Amino acid sequence: MPFFSVIIPTYNRAHSIRKAIDSVLNQSFQDFEIIIIDDASTDHTKEVVSLIEDSRVHYILNSTNQERCISRNIGISKAKGEY
């Protein structure tokens, strides 16, 4: 079980999602998971995330755009971290 769960909701941010994920992965503290909630992006966000080969990165795709609050709540429900 990871200590922290980092939840990143995203929508059409293929141009910046890698930078956000790398920012977390590059921390000195390593006991975490990253949950990416893609809110039905129409760009290539999924492809960008799929290139990241780290078992701590989890990708969830909403079938329809549900906005940030619902996406965060989905991430919270999937989180396994203590915090």
N, C-alpha and C. Protein backbone atom coordinates (compact mmCIF):
# COMPACT_ATOMS: atom_id res chain seq x y z
N MET A 1 0.85 -1.18 0.00
CA MET A 1 0.00 0.00 0.00
C MET A 1 0.89 1.24 0.00
N PRO A 2 0.68 2.14 -0.95
CA PRO A 2 1.48 3.36 -0.97
C PRO A 2 1.11 4.28 0.19
N PHE A 3 2.05 5.13 0.56
CA PHE A 3 1.81 6.09 1.63
C PHE A 3 0.90 7.21 1.14
N PHE A 4 1.21 7.74 -0.06
CA PHE A 4 0.43 8.83 -0.65
C PHE A 4 -0.21 8.39 -1.95
N SER A 5 -1.38 8.92 -2.23
CA SER A 5 -2.01 8.81 -3.54
C SER A 5 -2.08 10.22 -4.11
N VAL A 6 -1.50 10.40 -5.28
CA VAL A 6 -1.53 11.68 -5.96
C VAL A 6 -2.55 11.55 -7.09
N ILE A 7 -3.58 12.37 -7.04
CA ILE A 7 -4.66 12.30 -8.01
C ILE A 7 -4.54 13.50 -8.95
N ILE A 8 -4.48 13.19 -10.26
CA ILE A 8 -4.34 14.25 -11.26
C ILE A 8 -5.50 14.14 -12.25
N PRO A 9 -6.54 14.97 -12.09
CA PRO A 9 -7.58 15.01 -13.11
C PRO A 9 -7.06 15.78 -14.32
N THR A 10 -7.44 15.34 -15.51
CA THR A 10 -6.96 16.01 -16.71
C THR A 10 -8.01 15.99 -17.80
N TYR A 11 -7.96 16.99 -18.65
CA TYR A 11 -8.82 17.05 -19.83
C TYR A 11 -8.07 17.79 -20.93
N ASN A 12 -7.79 17.11 -21.99
CA ASN A 12 -7.09 17.68 -23.15
C ASN A 12 -5.79 18.40 -22.76
N ARG A 13 -4.97 17.72 -22.00
CA ARG A 13 -3.70 18.28 -21.56
C ARG A 13 -2.52 17.42 -21.99
N ALA A 14 -2.62 16.83 -23.18
CA ALA A 14 -1.54 15.99 -23.68
C ALA A 14 -0.22 16.76 -23.71
N HIS A 15 -0.29 18.05 -23.94
CA HIS A 15 0.92 18.87 -24.03
C HIS A 15 1.59 19.10 -22.68
N SER A 16 0.88 18.86 -21.56
CA SER A 16 1.48 19.16 -20.26
C SER A 16 1.39 18.03 -19.23
N ILE A 17 0.64 16.96 -19.53
CA ILE A 17 0.44 15.91 -18.53
C ILE A 17 1.74 15.20 -18.18
N ARG A 18 2.61 15.01 -19.16
CA ARG A 18 3.88 14.34 -18.89
C ARG A 18 4.71 15.13 -17.88
N LYS A 19 4.73 16.43 -18.01
CA LYS A 19 5.49 17.28 -17.09
C LYS A 19 4.93 17.15 -15.67
N ALA A 20 3.61 17.10 -15.53
CA ALA A 20 3.00 16.95 -14.20
C ALA A 20 3.35 15.60 -13.58
N ILE A 21 3.27 14.55 -14.38
CA ILE A 21 3.59 13.21 -13.88
C ILE A 21 5.06 13.12 -13.52
N ASP A 22 5.93 13.60 -14.40
CA ASP A 22 7.38 13.57 -14.12
C ASP A 22 7.73 14.34 -12.86
N SER A 23 7.03 15.42 -12.60
CA SER A 23 7.27 16.21 -11.40
C SER A 23 7.06 15.36 -10.15
N VAL A 24 6.04 14.53 -10.15
CA VAL A 24 5.79 13.65 -9.01
C VAL A 24 6.82 12.52 -8.98
N LEU A 25 7.07 11.91 -10.12
CA LEU A 25 8.01 10.79 -10.18
C LEU A 25 9.42 11.18 -9.75
N ASN A 26 9.78 12.43 -9.94
CA ASN A 26 11.13 12.89 -9.63
C ASN A 26 11.33 13.32 -8.18
N GLN A 27 10.33 13.15 -7.35
CA GLN A 27 10.47 13.50 -5.93
C GLN A 27 11.42 12.51 -5.24
N SER A 28 12.09 12.96 -4.19
CA SER A 28 12.99 12.06 -3.46
C SER A 28 12.18 11.02 -2.68
N PHE A 29 11.01 11.36 -2.21
CA PHE A 29 10.12 10.41 -1.53
C PHE A 29 9.44 9.59 -2.61
N GLN A 30 9.50 8.28 -2.51
CA GLN A 30 9.03 7.44 -3.61
C GLN A 30 7.84 6.54 -3.28
N ASP A 31 7.30 6.61 -2.07
CA ASP A 31 6.22 5.72 -1.67
C ASP A 31 4.87 6.34 -2.00
N PHE A 32 4.50 6.31 -3.26
CA PHE A 32 3.26 6.94 -3.72
C PHE A 32 2.72 6.20 -4.93
N GLU A 33 1.50 6.50 -5.25
CA GLU A 33 0.89 6.11 -6.52
C GLU A 33 0.37 7.38 -7.17
N ILE A 34 0.29 7.38 -8.48
CA ILE A 34 -0.27 8.50 -9.22
C ILE A 34 -1.49 7.98 -9.97
N ILE A 35 -2.62 8.61 -9.75
CA ILE A 35 -3.84 8.22 -10.42
C ILE A 35 -4.23 9.35 -11.37
N ILE A 36 -4.17 9.06 -12.67
CA ILE A 36 -4.55 10.02 -13.69
C ILE A 36 -6.00 9.73 -14.05
N ILE A 37 -6.87 10.73 -13.89
CA ILE A 37 -8.27 10.61 -14.28
C ILE A 37 -8.46 11.48 -15.52
N ASP A 38 -8.56 10.82 -16.66
CA ASP A 38 -8.74 11.51 -17.94
C ASP A 38 -10.25 11.71 -18.14
N ASP A 39 -10.66 12.96 -18.16
CA ASP A 39 -12.09 13.30 -18.23
C ASP A 39 -12.59 13.34 -19.67
N ALA A 40 -12.39 12.21 -20.38
CA ALA A 40 -12.85 12.04 -21.77
C ALA A 40 -12.15 13.01 -22.73
N SER A 41 -10.84 13.10 -22.60
CA SER A 41 -10.07 13.96 -23.49
C SER A 41 -10.28 13.58 -24.95
N THR A 42 -10.19 14.58 -25.82
CA THR A 42 -10.31 14.34 -27.25
C THR A 42 -8.96 14.49 -27.95
N ASP A 43 -7.92 14.77 -27.18
CA ASP A 43 -6.57 14.84 -27.76
C ASP A 43 -5.86 13.50 -27.48
N HIS A 44 -4.57 13.47 -27.48
CA HIS A 44 -3.82 12.22 -27.30
C HIS A 44 -3.24 12.07 -25.89
N THR A 45 -3.99 12.53 -24.90
CA THR A 45 -3.57 12.38 -23.51
C THR A 45 -3.31 10.92 -23.15
N LYS A 46 -4.21 10.03 -23.55
CA LYS A 46 -4.07 8.60 -23.23
C LYS A 46 -2.75 8.05 -23.77
N GLU A 47 -2.39 8.41 -24.98
CA GLU A 47 -1.16 7.91 -25.58
C GLU A 47 0.07 8.42 -24.84
N VAL A 48 0.04 9.67 -24.41
CA VAL A 48 1.16 10.25 -23.67
C VAL A 48 1.34 9.50 -22.35
N VAL A 49 0.26 9.26 -21.63
CA VAL A 49 0.34 8.57 -20.34
C VAL A 49 0.78 7.12 -20.55
N SER A 50 0.32 6.49 -21.61
CA SER A 50 0.65 5.08 -21.84
C SER A 50 2.14 4.85 -22.09
N LEU A 51 2.86 5.89 -22.45
CA LEU A 51 4.31 5.78 -22.68
C LEU A 51 5.11 5.71 -21.38
N ILE A 52 4.48 6.02 -20.27
CA ILE A 52 5.16 6.03 -18.98
C ILE A 52 5.16 4.62 -18.41
N GLU A 53 6.34 4.07 -18.26
CA GLU A 53 6.47 2.70 -17.76
C GLU A 53 6.86 2.72 -16.29
N ASP A 54 5.88 2.93 -15.46
CA ASP A 54 6.07 2.95 -14.01
C ASP A 54 4.81 2.38 -13.38
N SER A 55 4.97 1.34 -12.60
CA SER A 55 3.81 0.65 -12.03
C SER A 55 3.03 1.51 -11.04
N ARG A 56 3.60 2.64 -10.64
CA ARG A 56 2.89 3.53 -9.71
C ARG A 56 1.92 4.46 -10.42
N VAL A 57 1.97 4.50 -11.75
CA VAL A 57 1.10 5.38 -12.54
C VAL A 57 -0.11 4.58 -13.02
N HIS A 58 -1.30 5.04 -12.64
CA HIS A 58 -2.55 4.36 -13.01
C HIS A 58 -3.40 5.34 -13.81
N TYR A 59 -3.94 4.87 -14.91
CA TYR A 59 -4.73 5.70 -15.81
C TYR A 59 -6.18 5.23 -15.81
N ILE A 60 -7.09 6.18 -15.61
CA ILE A 60 -8.53 5.89 -15.67
C ILE A 60 -9.15 6.88 -16.66
N LEU A 61 -9.92 6.36 -17.61
CA LEU A 61 -10.57 7.20 -18.61
C LEU A 61 -12.07 7.26 -18.34
N ASN A 62 -12.59 8.47 -18.12
CA ASN A 62 -14.03 8.66 -18.02
C ASN A 62 -14.63 8.52 -19.42
N SER A 63 -15.77 7.86 -19.54
CA SER A 63 -16.39 7.68 -20.85
C SER A 63 -17.03 8.98 -21.36
N THR A 64 -17.40 9.86 -20.43
CA THR A 64 -17.92 11.18 -20.79
C THR A 64 -17.26 12.21 -19.89
N ASN A 65 -17.26 13.45 -20.36
CA ASN A 65 -16.69 14.54 -19.57
C ASN A 65 -17.60 14.82 -18.38
N GLN A 66 -17.01 14.71 -17.17
CA GLN A 66 -17.80 14.87 -15.95
C GLN A 66 -17.31 16.01 -15.06
N GLU A 67 -16.32 16.74 -15.54
CA GLU A 67 -15.75 17.88 -14.83
C GLU A 67 -14.83 17.44 -13.68
N ARG A 68 -14.09 18.41 -13.17
CA ARG A 68 -13.00 18.13 -12.21
C ARG A 68 -13.46 17.51 -10.90
N CYS A 69 -14.53 18.00 -10.31
CA CYS A 69 -14.94 17.48 -9.00
C CYS A 69 -15.27 15.99 -9.05
N ILE A 70 -16.01 15.58 -10.04
CA ILE A 70 -16.35 14.16 -10.16
C ILE A 70 -15.10 13.35 -10.46
N SER A 71 -14.23 13.86 -11.31
CA SER A 71 -12.99 13.15 -11.62
C SER A 71 -12.13 12.99 -10.38
N ARG A 72 -12.01 14.03 -9.56
CA ARG A 72 -11.26 13.90 -8.30
C ARG A 72 -11.89 12.85 -7.40
N ASN A 73 -13.20 12.85 -7.31
CA ASN A 73 -13.88 11.86 -6.47
C ASN A 73 -13.67 10.44 -6.98
N ILE A 74 -13.63 10.26 -8.28
CA ILE A 74 -13.33 8.94 -8.84
C ILE A 74 -11.92 8.54 -8.43
N GLY A 75 -10.98 9.47 -8.53
CA GLY A 75 -9.60 9.19 -8.12
C GLY A 75 -9.51 8.81 -6.65
N ILE A 76 -10.23 9.53 -5.82
CA ILE A 76 -10.24 9.23 -4.38
C ILE A 76 -10.79 7.83 -4.13
N SER A 77 -11.83 7.46 -4.86
CA SER A 77 -12.42 6.14 -4.64
C SER A 77 -11.49 5.01 -5.08
N LYS A 78 -10.57 5.29 -6.01
CA LYS A 78 -9.64 4.28 -6.50
C LYS A 78 -8.31 4.29 -5.73
N ALA A 79 -8.08 5.32 -4.94
CA ALA A 79 -6.80 5.48 -4.23
C ALA A 79 -6.58 4.38 -3.21
N LYS A 80 -5.33 3.94 -3.12
CA LYS A 80 -4.96 2.91 -2.16
C LYS A 80 -4.01 3.45 -1.09
N GLY A 81 -3.59 4.70 -1.25
CA GLY A 81 -2.65 5.28 -0.31
C GLY A 81 -3.26 5.59 1.04
N GLU A 82 -2.36 5.68 2.04
CA GLU A 82 -2.82 6.04 3.37
C GLU A 82 -3.32 7.48 3.39
N TYR A 83 -2.66 8.34 2.61
CA TYR A 83 -3.06 9.75 2.50
C TYR A 83 -3.26 10.11 1.05
